[in-house]
Amino acid sequence: MNRGIIRYVIGSVIKIEALLLMAPFLTSLFYHEKEGFSYLIVALACLVTGSLLTIVKPQDHVFYLKEGCISTATSWIVLSLFGAIPFVLTGEIPNYINALFETISGFTTTGASILHDVEALSHCSLLWRSFTHWIGGMGVLVFLLAIIPMSGGGSINLMRAESPGPSVGKLAPKMKTTAGILYTIYISMTLLEFAILAFARMPIFDAVCTAFGTAGTGGYGIKNASIGCYSVLIQWIVTIFMILFGVNFNAFYYILMKEIKKAFAMEEVRTYFAVILVATGAITLNILKQCSGFFDALTKSAFQVGSIITTTGFSTDNFDQWPSFSKTILVILMFLGACAGSTGGGIKVSRFIIFFKAFFKEANSYIHPKSVKQITIDKKALEHDVLRSTNVFLNVYILIFVCSVLLVSVDNLDMQTNFTAVVATFNNIGPGLAEVGPTENFDKFSSLSKIVLMIDMLAGRLELFPIIILFHPEIWKEFLDHREARRKKLRKKLEEAKEKDML
């Protein structure tokens, strides 16, 4: 295992966090808030820690998928551990477990909160909450790839461990260029949404935070009523951008390259939009009697469908009060999620496409045993490794989901609350139903349940395996063996030094 590169990546991420923490500090200066100095203190701590970890550059920049997964999972955990400290220092979230829950929920773009009154927070803390969504949306390690060169295939392994979807491909020959393209699209779309929201007369600070939350498909609102307190025009703008950020970013790249037909020919993208249209239409008709007209029903339905399928988690209405049929559709969308290669969470549309095609292929083999039929995506034969990884992913997903619901149920809350709490955190959505609905929060859970839900959030955002690998016995055995080898080497040097002194 290349420990040097893992240490260097983690140190680089901590230094990046030091820079990012300056955003809430500068915001506090603008609004004359003393809470901002807590962010400055943590930023300095991150700078010192990161510098110590990167002071010695690794001799070998080559690392494989194992190192990529360990670097990614550890970086996200360390990022959250440091990112939670300012909430405690400001006294706005004095309990560290709660602060960590809020921070992990932010970085993983989940949006599940333990806060009862969001509007009581300072401007700098509100910005930090929303900013964590934007940071986690595209991924901090993707940003790292854009600025630090990696050799020997290490870049693709790092990106594969952090990027959502069954497979990760290159948009350009070099991964550094690919990462740069992705972040250019990401930043451009964020700025475009901010400009349109500001033009629609949304307050500047609100527009910044909303753009961050939408781009990262996170869902932290800065108002207790989320997006419901803004105009219908603003709600539609947010709806459109939520849906756009749930699209595979490869499609935007094709559009930029003037290959529009190629973008719309993507099977996953077409399925994604078809599901949104069908779900919106069905819910609109189902909630029509509860609304003040067809357009009102359509506005609420489109917003909530867009928010749930992209796993953003914003809300404009208490959908927990909707008919059972509409709530069932939303729960199904929670599992489905957005496209692979987007900032959205969930299982991903592409995996469901692969799953159903594999199902029909298997069913067809019972009718025509001698037939040979290949599964294709976008008219290309699907590689066996992708099919295998999809099947394994779904099996592991179900196992973790069941175990999480079982552990959370120890708190003795109702089944609907426990079930949808795990759905909402594991799929990085935010609100669930019942006691964790859009007007409720997660503070009612015990510390144990919060830890389980935090692990679910990290596992869901990092596609399960980078987090699972951290618990693998061989990783710990290798780590302990390395420590023992270093101790033996140190003892040998000390014995040699004593012998020299005796002579």
Protein backbone atom coordinates (compact mmCIF):
# COMPACT_ATOMS: atom_id res chain seq x y z
CA MET A 1 0.00 0.00 0.00
CA ASN A 2 1.30 3.45 -0.94
CA ARG A 3 0.85 5.20 2.42
CA GLY A 4 2.79 8.23 1.30
CA ILE A 5 0.29 9.21 -1.39
CA ILE A 6 -2.67 8.54 0.93
CA ARG A 7 -1.13 10.85 3.55
CA TYR A 8 -0.39 13.47 0.89
CA VAL A 9 -3.94 13.38 -0.53
CA ILE A 10 -5.50 13.72 2.93
CA GLY A 11 -3.15 16.58 3.79
CA SER A 12 -3.96 18.35 0.51
CA VAL A 13 -7.70 18.00 1.19
CA ILE A 14 -7.28 19.51 4.68
CA LYS A 15 -5.37 22.45 3.20
CA ILE A 16 -8.16 22.97 0.66
CA GLU A 17 -10.64 22.99 3.53
CA ALA A 18 -8.57 25.72 5.22
CA LEU A 19 -9.08 27.86 2.12
CA LEU A 20 -12.79 27.02 1.90
CA LEU A 21 -13.35 28.00 5.55
CA MET A 22 -12.32 31.54 4.68
CA ALA A 23 -15.65 31.99 2.83
CA PRO A 24 -17.77 31.97 6.02
CA PHE A 25 -15.11 34.06 7.80
CA LEU A 26 -15.27 36.77 5.11
CA THR A 27 -19.07 36.60 5.23
CA SER A 28 -18.94 37.26 8.98
CA LEU A 29 -16.82 40.37 8.37
CA PHE A 30 -19.41 41.68 5.93
CA TYR A 31 -22.27 41.11 8.39
CA HIS A 32 -20.19 42.10 11.48
CA GLU A 33 -20.63 38.70 13.16
CA LYS A 34 -18.20 37.50 15.84
CA GLU A 35 -19.01 33.84 14.99
CA GLY A 36 -16.73 34.12 11.97
CA PHE A 37 -13.58 34.00 14.11
CA SER A 38 -14.42 30.38 14.96
CA TYR A 39 -14.11 29.58 11.26
CA LEU A 40 -10.79 31.44 11.09
CA ILE A 41 -9.40 29.43 14.04
CA VAL A 42 -10.39 26.12 12.41
CA ALA A 43 -9.00 27.31 9.06
CA LEU A 44 -5.61 27.96 10.68
CA ALA A 45 -5.74 24.53 12.40
CA CYS A 46 -6.48 22.91 9.02
CA LEU A 47 -3.62 24.81 7.37
CA VAL A 48 -1.12 23.68 10.03
CA THR A 49 -2.35 20.05 10.00
CA GLY A 50 -2.44 19.87 6.20
CA SER A 51 1.02 21.41 5.89
CA LEU A 52 2.49 18.88 8.34
CA LEU A 53 0.98 16.00 6.34
CA THR A 54 2.24 17.33 3.00
CA ILE A 55 5.64 18.67 4.09
CA VAL A 56 7.23 15.45 2.84
CA LYS A 57 6.15 14.70 -0.72
CA PRO A 58 5.53 11.03 -1.60
CA GLN A 59 8.30 9.36 -3.57
CA ASP A 60 5.76 7.44 -5.64
CA HIS A 61 2.60 9.12 -7.05
CA VAL A 62 1.28 5.84 -8.45
CA PHE A 63 -1.59 4.23 -6.55
CA TYR A 64 -4.36 1.80 -7.33
CA LEU A 65 -8.06 1.42 -6.54
CA LYS A 66 -7.40 0.31 -2.94
CA GLU A 67 -5.42 3.47 -2.22
CA GLY A 68 -8.02 5.53 -4.10
CA CYS A 69 -10.87 4.20 -1.93
CA ILE A 70 -8.94 4.64 1.33
CA SER A 71 -7.84 8.17 0.37
CA THR A 72 -11.37 9.14 -0.62
CA ALA A 73 -13.18 7.71 2.41
CA THR A 74 -10.60 9.03 4.90
CA SER A 75 -10.54 12.46 3.26
CA TRP A 76 -14.33 12.81 3.50
CA ILE A 77 -14.32 11.75 7.16
CA VAL A 78 -11.47 14.14 8.07
CA LEU A 79 -13.13 16.92 6.06
CA SER A 80 -16.30 16.45 8.11
CA LEU A 81 -14.50 16.16 11.46
CA PHE A 82 -12.81 19.52 10.94
CA GLY A 83 -15.85 21.10 9.28
CA ALA A 84 -18.04 20.41 12.32
CA ILE A 85 -15.80 22.21 14.82
CA PRO A 86 -16.91 25.79 13.97
CA PHE A 87 -20.54 24.96 14.81
CA VAL A 88 -19.41 23.88 18.30
CA LEU A 89 -17.08 26.87 18.80
CA THR A 90 -19.80 29.35 17.83
CA GLY A 91 -22.19 27.66 20.27
CA GLU A 92 -24.85 27.39 17.55
CA ILE A 93 -24.66 23.57 17.66
CA PRO A 94 -22.93 22.88 21.00
CA ASN A 95 -23.20 19.06 20.82
CA TYR A 96 -20.37 17.71 18.63
CA ILE A 97 -22.33 14.65 17.46
CA ASN A 98 -25.11 16.97 16.25
CA ALA A 99 -22.57 19.30 14.64
CA LEU A 100 -20.92 16.35 12.90
CA PHE A 101 -24.30 15.07 11.72
CA GLU A 102 -25.08 18.50 10.25
CA THR A 103 -21.67 18.71 8.57
CA ILE A 104 -21.65 15.20 7.11
CA SER A 105 -25.19 15.82 5.90
CA GLY A 106 -23.85 18.95 4.21
CA PHE A 107 -20.76 17.46 2.56
CA THR A 108 -22.64 14.36 1.38
CA THR A 109 -25.34 16.69 -0.06
CA THR A 110 -27.98 14.96 2.06
CA GLY A 111 -29.63 17.96 3.70
CA ALA A 112 -30.97 16.09 6.74
CA SER A 113 -30.82 18.50 9.68
CA ILE A 114 -30.97 18.38 13.46
CA LEU A 115 -31.83 22.09 13.72
CA HIS A 116 -35.23 23.26 14.93
CA ASP A 117 -34.79 26.91 13.87
CA VAL A 118 -32.50 27.41 10.89
CA GLU A 119 -33.08 31.16 10.80
CA ALA A 120 -31.47 31.50 14.26
CA LEU A 121 -28.03 30.76 12.77
CA SER A 122 -25.57 33.50 11.85
CA HIS A 123 -25.03 34.38 8.18
CA CYS A 124 -21.56 32.80 8.20
CA SER A 125 -22.90 29.48 9.52
CA LEU A 126 -25.79 29.52 7.05
CA LEU A 127 -23.30 30.07 4.23
CA TRP A 128 -21.03 27.27 5.50
CA ARG A 129 -23.95 24.81 5.62
CA SER A 130 -24.91 25.59 2.02
CA PHE A 131 -21.27 25.80 0.89
CA THR A 132 -20.63 22.24 2.14
CA HIS A 133 -23.29 21.11 -0.35
CA TRP A 134 -21.49 22.80 -3.21
CA ILE A 135 -18.12 21.37 -2.13
CA GLY A 136 -19.50 17.85 -1.81
CA GLY A 137 -21.65 18.03 -4.94
CA MET A 138 -18.88 17.60 -7.49
CA GLY A 139 -16.42 16.25 -4.95
CA VAL A 140 -13.39 17.81 -3.33
CA LEU A 141 -11.08 15.13 -4.75
CA VAL A 142 -12.25 15.89 -8.30
CA PHE A 143 -11.14 19.47 -7.58
CA LEU A 144 -7.86 18.09 -6.24
CA LEU A 145 -7.32 16.18 -9.50
CA ALA A 146 -7.74 19.41 -11.44
CA ILE A 147 -4.82 21.05 -9.61
CA ILE A 148 -2.49 18.19 -8.56
CA PRO A 149 -1.01 15.90 -11.24
CA MET A 150 -1.24 12.15 -10.61
CA SER A 151 0.61 9.53 -12.60
CA GLY A 152 0.29 5.86 -13.43
CA GLY A 153 -3.49 5.62 -13.44
CA GLY A 154 -3.88 6.98 -9.93
CA SER A 155 -6.20 9.76 -11.08
CA ILE A 156 -8.86 7.47 -12.51
CA ASN A 157 -8.83 5.36 -9.31
CA LEU A 158 -9.27 8.45 -7.15
CA MET A 159 -12.09 9.72 -9.34
CA ARG A 160 -13.74 6.29 -9.53
CA ALA A 161 -13.86 6.13 -5.73
CA GLU A 162 -15.60 9.49 -5.41
CA SER A 163 -17.76 9.88 -8.53
CA PRO A 164 -21.31 8.46 -8.54
CA GLY A 165 -22.42 5.78 -10.98
CA PRO A 166 -21.61 2.23 -12.09
CA SER A 167 -18.66 3.36 -14.23
CA VAL A 168 -16.43 6.39 -14.63
CA GLY A 169 -15.05 7.49 -17.98
CA LYS A 170 -12.81 10.21 -19.34
CA LEU A 171 -14.03 13.26 -21.25
CA ALA A 172 -10.44 13.99 -22.28
CA PRO A 173 -7.23 11.93 -22.58
CA LYS A 174 -5.97 13.21 -19.22
CA MET A 175 -7.96 12.91 -15.98
CA LYS A 176 -6.72 16.36 -14.94
CA THR A 177 -8.37 17.81 -18.05
CA THR A 178 -11.55 15.80 -17.40
CA ALA A 179 -11.73 17.12 -13.83
CA GLY A 180 -11.19 20.65 -15.12
CA ILE A 181 -14.03 20.28 -17.64
CA LEU A 182 -16.41 18.95 -15.00
CA TYR A 183 -15.66 21.79 -12.59
CA THR A 184 -15.94 24.39 -15.36
CA ILE A 185 -19.45 23.13 -16.18
CA TYR A 186 -20.31 22.95 -12.47
CA ILE A 187 -19.16 26.49 -11.69
CA SER A 188 -20.75 27.95 -14.83
CA MET A 189 -24.15 26.42 -14.07
CA THR A 190 -23.96 27.59 -10.44
CA LEU A 191 -23.19 31.16 -11.51
CA LEU A 192 -25.99 31.04 -14.10
CA GLU A 193 -28.54 29.96 -11.50
CA PHE A 194 -27.33 32.63 -9.06
CA ALA A 195 -27.69 35.32 -11.74
CA ILE A 196 -31.22 34.21 -12.70
CA LEU A 197 -32.33 34.01 -9.05
CA ALA A 198 -30.93 37.49 -8.38
CA PHE A 199 -32.70 38.78 -11.51
CA ALA A 200 -35.93 37.23 -10.15
CA ARG A 201 -35.47 39.50 -7.09
CA MET A 202 -34.28 36.89 -4.65
CA PRO A 203 -32.02 38.53 -1.99
CA ILE A 204 -28.33 38.16 -2.93
CA PHE A 205 -27.36 36.14 0.15
CA ASP A 206 -30.37 33.86 -0.32
CA ALA A 207 -29.52 33.44 -4.01
CA VAL A 208 -25.93 32.43 -3.20
CA CYS A 209 -26.98 29.82 -0.62
CA THR A 210 -29.81 28.49 -2.81
CA ALA A 211 -27.50 28.19 -5.81
CA PHE A 212 -24.98 26.26 -3.68
CA GLY A 213 -27.73 23.95 -2.36
CA THR A 214 -29.23 23.36 -5.81
CA ALA A 215 -25.91 22.80 -7.59
CA GLY A 216 -24.82 20.23 -5.03
CA THR A 217 -28.36 18.79 -4.91
CA GLY A 218 -28.10 19.19 -1.14
CA GLY A 219 -31.20 20.97 0.06
CA TYR A 220 -30.13 23.00 3.08
CA GLY A 221 -32.52 25.94 3.17
CA ILE A 222 -31.77 29.17 5.01
CA LYS A 223 -35.45 29.68 5.87
CA ASN A 224 -37.59 27.46 8.09
CA ALA A 225 -40.07 27.17 5.20
CA SER A 226 -37.25 26.14 2.81
CA ILE A 227 -38.09 27.42 -0.72
CA GLY A 228 -41.81 27.70 0.09
CA CYS A 229 -41.42 31.29 1.31
CA TYR A 230 -40.28 32.54 -2.12
CA SER A 231 -42.29 33.45 -5.22
CA VAL A 232 -43.65 30.88 -7.66
CA LEU A 233 -41.18 32.16 -10.29
CA ILE A 234 -38.24 31.42 -7.99
CA GLN A 235 -39.67 27.99 -7.21
CA TRP A 236 -39.80 27.16 -10.92
CA ILE A 237 -36.23 28.41 -11.45
CA VAL A 238 -35.01 26.17 -8.62
CA THR A 239 -37.07 23.25 -10.02
CA ILE A 240 -35.46 23.56 -13.45
CA PHE A 241 -31.92 23.80 -12.07
CA MET A 242 -32.44 20.90 -9.66
CA ILE A 243 -33.44 18.72 -12.61
CA LEU A 244 -30.50 19.98 -14.70
CA PHE A 245 -27.97 19.20 -11.97
CA GLY A 246 -29.41 15.67 -11.83
CA VAL A 247 -28.41 15.10 -15.48
CA ASN A 248 -25.23 13.21 -16.36
CA PHE A 249 -22.58 15.91 -16.87
CA ASN A 250 -21.36 14.07 -19.97
CA ALA A 251 -24.54 15.32 -21.69
CA PHE A 252 -23.57 18.95 -20.98
CA TYR A 253 -20.10 18.26 -22.34
CA TYR A 254 -21.59 16.90 -25.57
CA ILE A 255 -23.78 20.00 -25.86
CA LEU A 256 -20.71 22.24 -25.41
CA MET A 257 -18.95 20.24 -28.13
CA LYS A 258 -22.03 20.86 -30.34
CA GLU A 259 -22.89 17.15 -30.32
CA ILE A 260 -26.49 17.77 -29.23
CA LYS A 261 -27.84 14.58 -30.80
CA LYS A 262 -25.31 12.54 -28.84
CA ALA A 263 -26.42 14.23 -25.60
CA PHE A 264 -30.11 13.47 -26.09
CA ALA A 265 -29.34 9.97 -27.40
CA MET A 266 -28.09 8.97 -23.94
CA GLU A 267 -30.52 6.31 -22.73
CA GLU A 268 -30.11 7.24 -19.07
CA VAL A 269 -30.91 10.91 -19.70
CA ARG A 270 -34.04 10.08 -21.73
CA THR A 271 -35.26 7.67 -19.04
CA TYR A 272 -34.55 10.24 -16.33
CA PHE A 273 -36.70 12.91 -18.02
CA ALA A 274 -39.44 10.39 -18.83
CA VAL A 275 -39.69 9.35 -15.16
CA ILE A 276 -39.89 13.00 -14.09
CA LEU A 277 -42.71 13.73 -16.56
CA VAL A 278 -44.75 10.66 -15.59
CA ALA A 279 -44.27 11.17 -11.83
CA THR A 280 -45.10 14.89 -12.05
CA GLY A 281 -48.25 14.20 -14.06
CA ALA A 282 -49.45 11.46 -11.70
CA ILE A 283 -48.87 13.50 -8.53
CA THR A 284 -50.41 16.64 -10.05
CA LEU A 285 -53.67 14.82 -10.70
CA ASN A 286 -53.55 13.13 -7.29
CA ILE A 287 -53.08 16.32 -5.22
CA LEU A 288 -55.33 18.53 -7.38
CA LYS A 289 -58.12 18.64 -4.77
CA GLN A 290 -55.68 19.84 -2.09
CA CYS A 291 -54.42 22.74 -4.21
CA SER A 292 -55.87 26.04 -5.38
CA GLY A 293 -55.90 25.04 -9.05
CA PHE A 294 -54.11 23.01 -11.70
CA PHE A 295 -51.07 25.32 -11.96
CA ASP A 296 -50.59 25.31 -8.18
CA ALA A 297 -50.74 21.50 -8.16
CA LEU A 298 -48.32 21.32 -11.09
CA THR A 299 -45.89 23.75 -9.40
CA LYS A 300 -45.84 21.79 -6.14
CA SER A 301 -45.68 18.43 -7.90
CA ALA A 302 -42.88 19.41 -10.33
CA PHE A 303 -40.83 20.98 -7.55
CA GLN A 304 -41.11 18.01 -5.21
CA VAL A 305 -40.50 15.42 -7.93
CA GLY A 306 -37.42 17.36 -9.07
CA SER A 307 -36.24 17.74 -5.48
CA ILE A 308 -36.66 14.06 -4.58
CA ILE A 309 -35.39 12.36 -7.75
CA THR A 310 -32.28 14.56 -7.75
CA THR A 311 -32.00 13.97 -3.98
CA THR A 312 -31.85 17.72 -3.36
CA GLY A 313 -34.36 17.78 -0.54
CA PHE A 314 -35.75 21.31 -0.85
CA SER A 315 -39.47 21.62 -0.20
CA THR A 316 -42.28 24.08 -0.93
CA ASP A 317 -45.09 22.08 0.64
CA ASN A 318 -45.51 19.52 3.42
CA PHE A 319 -45.70 16.45 1.17
CA ASP A 320 -46.17 14.30 4.26
CA GLN A 321 -49.81 15.51 4.12
CA TRP A 322 -50.25 14.40 0.49
CA PRO A 323 -52.32 11.31 -0.44
CA SER A 324 -50.69 7.90 0.04
CA PHE A 325 -50.33 7.39 -3.74
CA SER A 326 -48.24 10.56 -4.13
CA LYS A 327 -46.08 9.76 -1.10
CA THR A 328 -45.44 6.27 -2.46
CA ILE A 329 -44.25 7.72 -5.77
CA LEU A 330 -41.86 10.03 -3.90
CA VAL A 331 -40.44 7.13 -1.85
CA ILE A 332 -39.83 5.17 -5.09
CA LEU A 333 -38.05 8.22 -6.54
CA MET A 334 -35.91 8.37 -3.38
CA PHE A 335 -34.47 4.96 -4.27
CA LEU A 336 -34.20 5.71 -7.99
CA GLY A 337 -32.12 8.88 -7.69
CA ALA A 338 -30.58 10.97 -10.46
CA CYS A 339 -28.24 10.10 -13.32
CA ALA A 340 -24.75 8.69 -12.88
CA GLY A 341 -22.12 11.38 -13.33
CA SER A 342 -24.37 14.05 -11.81
CA THR A 343 -24.33 15.66 -8.37
CA GLY A 344 -27.43 13.66 -7.36
CA GLY A 345 -27.58 10.64 -5.08
CA GLY A 346 -29.71 7.49 -4.95
CA ILE A 347 -29.09 4.16 -6.65
CA LYS A 348 -28.96 5.96 -10.04
CA VAL A 349 -31.13 5.65 -13.15
CA SER A 350 -28.37 3.83 -15.07
CA ARG A 351 -28.26 0.98 -12.54
CA PHE A 352 -32.02 0.48 -12.77
CA ILE A 353 -31.75 0.39 -16.57
CA ILE A 354 -29.04 -2.27 -16.31
CA PHE A 355 -31.05 -4.19 -13.71
CA PHE A 356 -34.22 -4.32 -15.83
CA LYS A 357 -32.33 -5.23 -19.00
CA ALA A 358 -30.59 -8.06 -17.15
CA PHE A 359 -33.95 -9.19 -15.80
CA PHE A 360 -35.54 -9.32 -19.27
CA LYS A 361 -32.48 -11.06 -20.67
CA GLU A 362 -32.73 -13.74 -17.99
CA ALA A 363 -36.50 -14.13 -18.54
CA ASN A 364 -35.91 -14.45 -22.30
CA SER A 365 -33.33 -17.21 -21.72
CA TYR A 366 -36.07 -19.35 -20.08
CA ILE A 367 -38.21 -19.04 -23.22
CA HIS A 368 -35.32 -19.28 -25.72
CA PRO A 369 -32.54 -21.25 -23.97
CA LYS A 370 -30.22 -21.19 -26.98
CA SER A 371 -30.55 -17.48 -27.71
CA VAL A 372 -27.53 -15.26 -27.21
CA LYS A 373 -28.45 -11.67 -26.39
CA GLN A 374 -26.12 -8.96 -25.16
CA ILE A 375 -27.15 -6.13 -22.86
CA THR A 376 -26.51 -2.78 -24.52
CA ILE A 377 -26.50 0.78 -23.21
CA ASP A 378 -26.56 3.60 -25.78
CA LYS A 379 -26.12 0.94 -28.49
CA LYS A 380 -22.86 -0.25 -26.93
CA ALA A 381 -22.36 -3.69 -25.43
CA LEU A 382 -22.25 -3.56 -21.64
CA GLU A 383 -19.01 -4.84 -20.15
CA HIS A 384 -19.32 -7.83 -17.85
CA ASP A 385 -17.49 -5.99 -15.04
CA VAL A 386 -20.12 -3.23 -15.06
CA LEU A 387 -22.97 -5.77 -14.87
CA ARG A 388 -21.22 -7.66 -12.07
CA SER A 389 -20.50 -4.49 -10.08
CA THR A 390 -24.13 -3.37 -10.49
CA ASN A 391 -25.44 -6.69 -9.13
CA VAL A 392 -22.99 -6.61 -6.21
CA PHE A 393 -23.85 -2.96 -5.50
CA LEU A 394 -27.58 -3.72 -5.26
CA ASN A 395 -26.99 -6.72 -2.99
CA VAL A 396 -24.72 -4.76 -0.64
CA TYR A 397 -27.11 -1.82 -0.75
CA ILE A 398 -30.01 -3.99 0.46
CA LEU A 399 -27.86 -5.56 3.20
CA ILE A 400 -26.70 -2.19 4.60
CA PHE A 401 -30.21 -0.74 4.29
CA VAL A 402 -31.80 -3.58 6.29
CA CYS A 403 -29.10 -3.45 8.99
CA SER A 404 -29.47 0.34 9.28
CA VAL A 405 -33.27 0.18 9.69
CA LEU A 406 -32.80 -2.51 12.35
CA LEU A 407 -30.25 -0.46 14.31
CA VAL A 408 -32.25 2.77 14.08
CA SER A 409 -35.40 0.99 15.28
CA VAL A 410 -33.77 0.63 18.74
CA ASP A 411 -34.94 4.21 19.39
CA ASN A 412 -38.51 2.88 19.30
CA LEU A 413 -39.87 5.43 16.82
CA ASP A 414 -42.58 4.35 14.37
CA MET A 415 -41.74 2.16 11.38
CA GLN A 416 -42.47 4.84 8.78
CA THR A 417 -40.07 7.23 10.50
CA ASN A 418 -37.27 4.65 10.79
CA PHE A 419 -37.68 3.37 7.24
CA THR A 420 -37.78 6.77 5.54
CA ALA A 421 -35.01 8.16 7.79
CA VAL A 422 -32.66 5.51 6.41
CA VAL A 423 -34.00 6.01 2.86
CA ALA A 424 -33.47 9.78 3.15
CA THR A 425 -29.92 9.55 4.53
CA PHE A 426 -28.65 6.51 2.60
CA ASN A 427 -29.82 8.06 -0.68
CA ASN A 428 -28.63 11.55 0.34
CA ILE A 429 -32.08 13.14 0.10
CA GLY A 430 -32.75 14.88 3.43
CA PRO A 431 -36.40 14.81 4.45
CA GLY A 432 -38.39 11.62 4.84
CA LEU A 433 -41.91 11.06 6.15
CA ALA A 434 -43.67 11.13 9.53
CA GLU A 435 -41.25 12.24 12.31
CA VAL A 436 -38.55 13.12 9.73
CA GLY A 437 -40.88 14.82 7.24
CA PRO A 438 -40.19 18.16 5.51
CA THR A 439 -41.37 20.15 8.55
CA GLU A 440 -39.50 17.95 11.08
CA ASN A 441 -35.83 17.16 11.80
CA PHE A 442 -33.52 14.33 12.91
CA ASP A 443 -32.72 15.64 16.40
CA LYS A 444 -35.09 13.12 18.01
CA PHE A 445 -32.75 10.22 17.21
CA SER A 446 -30.22 8.96 19.77
CA SER A 447 -26.46 9.45 19.30
CA LEU A 448 -26.13 5.80 18.20
CA SER A 449 -28.80 6.21 15.52
CA LYS A 450 -27.20 9.46 14.35
CA ILE A 451 -23.86 7.67 13.95
CA VAL A 452 -25.57 4.92 11.92
CA LEU A 453 -27.26 7.55 9.74
CA MET A 454 -23.96 9.43 9.31
CA ILE A 455 -22.28 6.25 8.07
CA ASP A 456 -25.24 5.75 5.72
CA MET A 457 -24.80 9.28 4.36
CA LEU A 458 -21.10 8.74 3.69
CA ALA A 459 -21.65 5.26 2.22
CA GLY A 460 -24.46 6.53 -0.02
CA ARG A 461 -22.45 9.48 -1.33
CA LEU A 462 -19.29 7.43 -1.93
CA GLU A 463 -21.12 4.51 -3.58
CA LEU A 464 -20.69 2.11 -0.61
CA PHE A 465 -17.32 0.47 -1.23
CA PRO A 466 -14.82 3.21 -0.22
CA ILE A 467 -16.45 3.25 3.24
CA ILE A 468 -16.79 -0.56 3.41
CA ILE A 469 -13.10 -1.01 2.59
CA LEU A 470 -12.17 0.99 5.70
CA PHE A 471 -13.79 -1.78 7.79
CA HIS A 472 -12.10 -4.61 5.88
CA PRO A 473 -9.90 -6.77 8.21
CA GLU A 474 -7.03 -6.96 5.68
CA ILE A 475 -6.69 -3.17 5.61
CA TRP A 476 -6.34 -3.06 9.40
CA LYS A 477 -4.00 -6.08 9.39
CA GLU A 478 -1.80 -4.39 6.81
CA PHE A 479 -1.84 -1.19 8.85
CA LEU A 480 -0.94 -2.99 12.10
CA ASP A 481 1.76 -5.06 10.35
CA HIS A 482 3.26 -1.85 8.99
CA ARG A 483 3.29 -0.29 12.48
CA GLU A 484 4.93 -3.41 13.93
CA ALA A 485 7.54 -3.41 11.16
CA ARG A 486 8.35 0.24 11.90
CA ARG A 487 8.69 -0.53 15.63
CA LYS A 488 11.07 -3.42 14.91
CA LYS A 489 13.12 -1.20 12.63
CA LEU A 490 13.27 1.50 15.32
CA ARG A 491 14.29 -1.05 18.01
CA LYS A 492 17.05 -2.33 15.72
CA LYS A 493 18.38 1.17 15.21
CA LEU A 494 18.33 1.83 18.96
CA GLU A 495 20.18 -1.43 19.67
CA GLU A 496 22.78 -0.58 17.03
CA ALA A 497 23.20 2.89 18.57
CA LYS A 498 23.71 1.35 22.06
CA GLU A 499 26.33 -1.06 20.72
CA LYS A 500 28.25 1.84 19.17
CA ASP A 501 28.14 3.75 22.47
CA MET A 502 29.44 0.70 24.36
CA LEU A 503 32.32 0.34 21.94
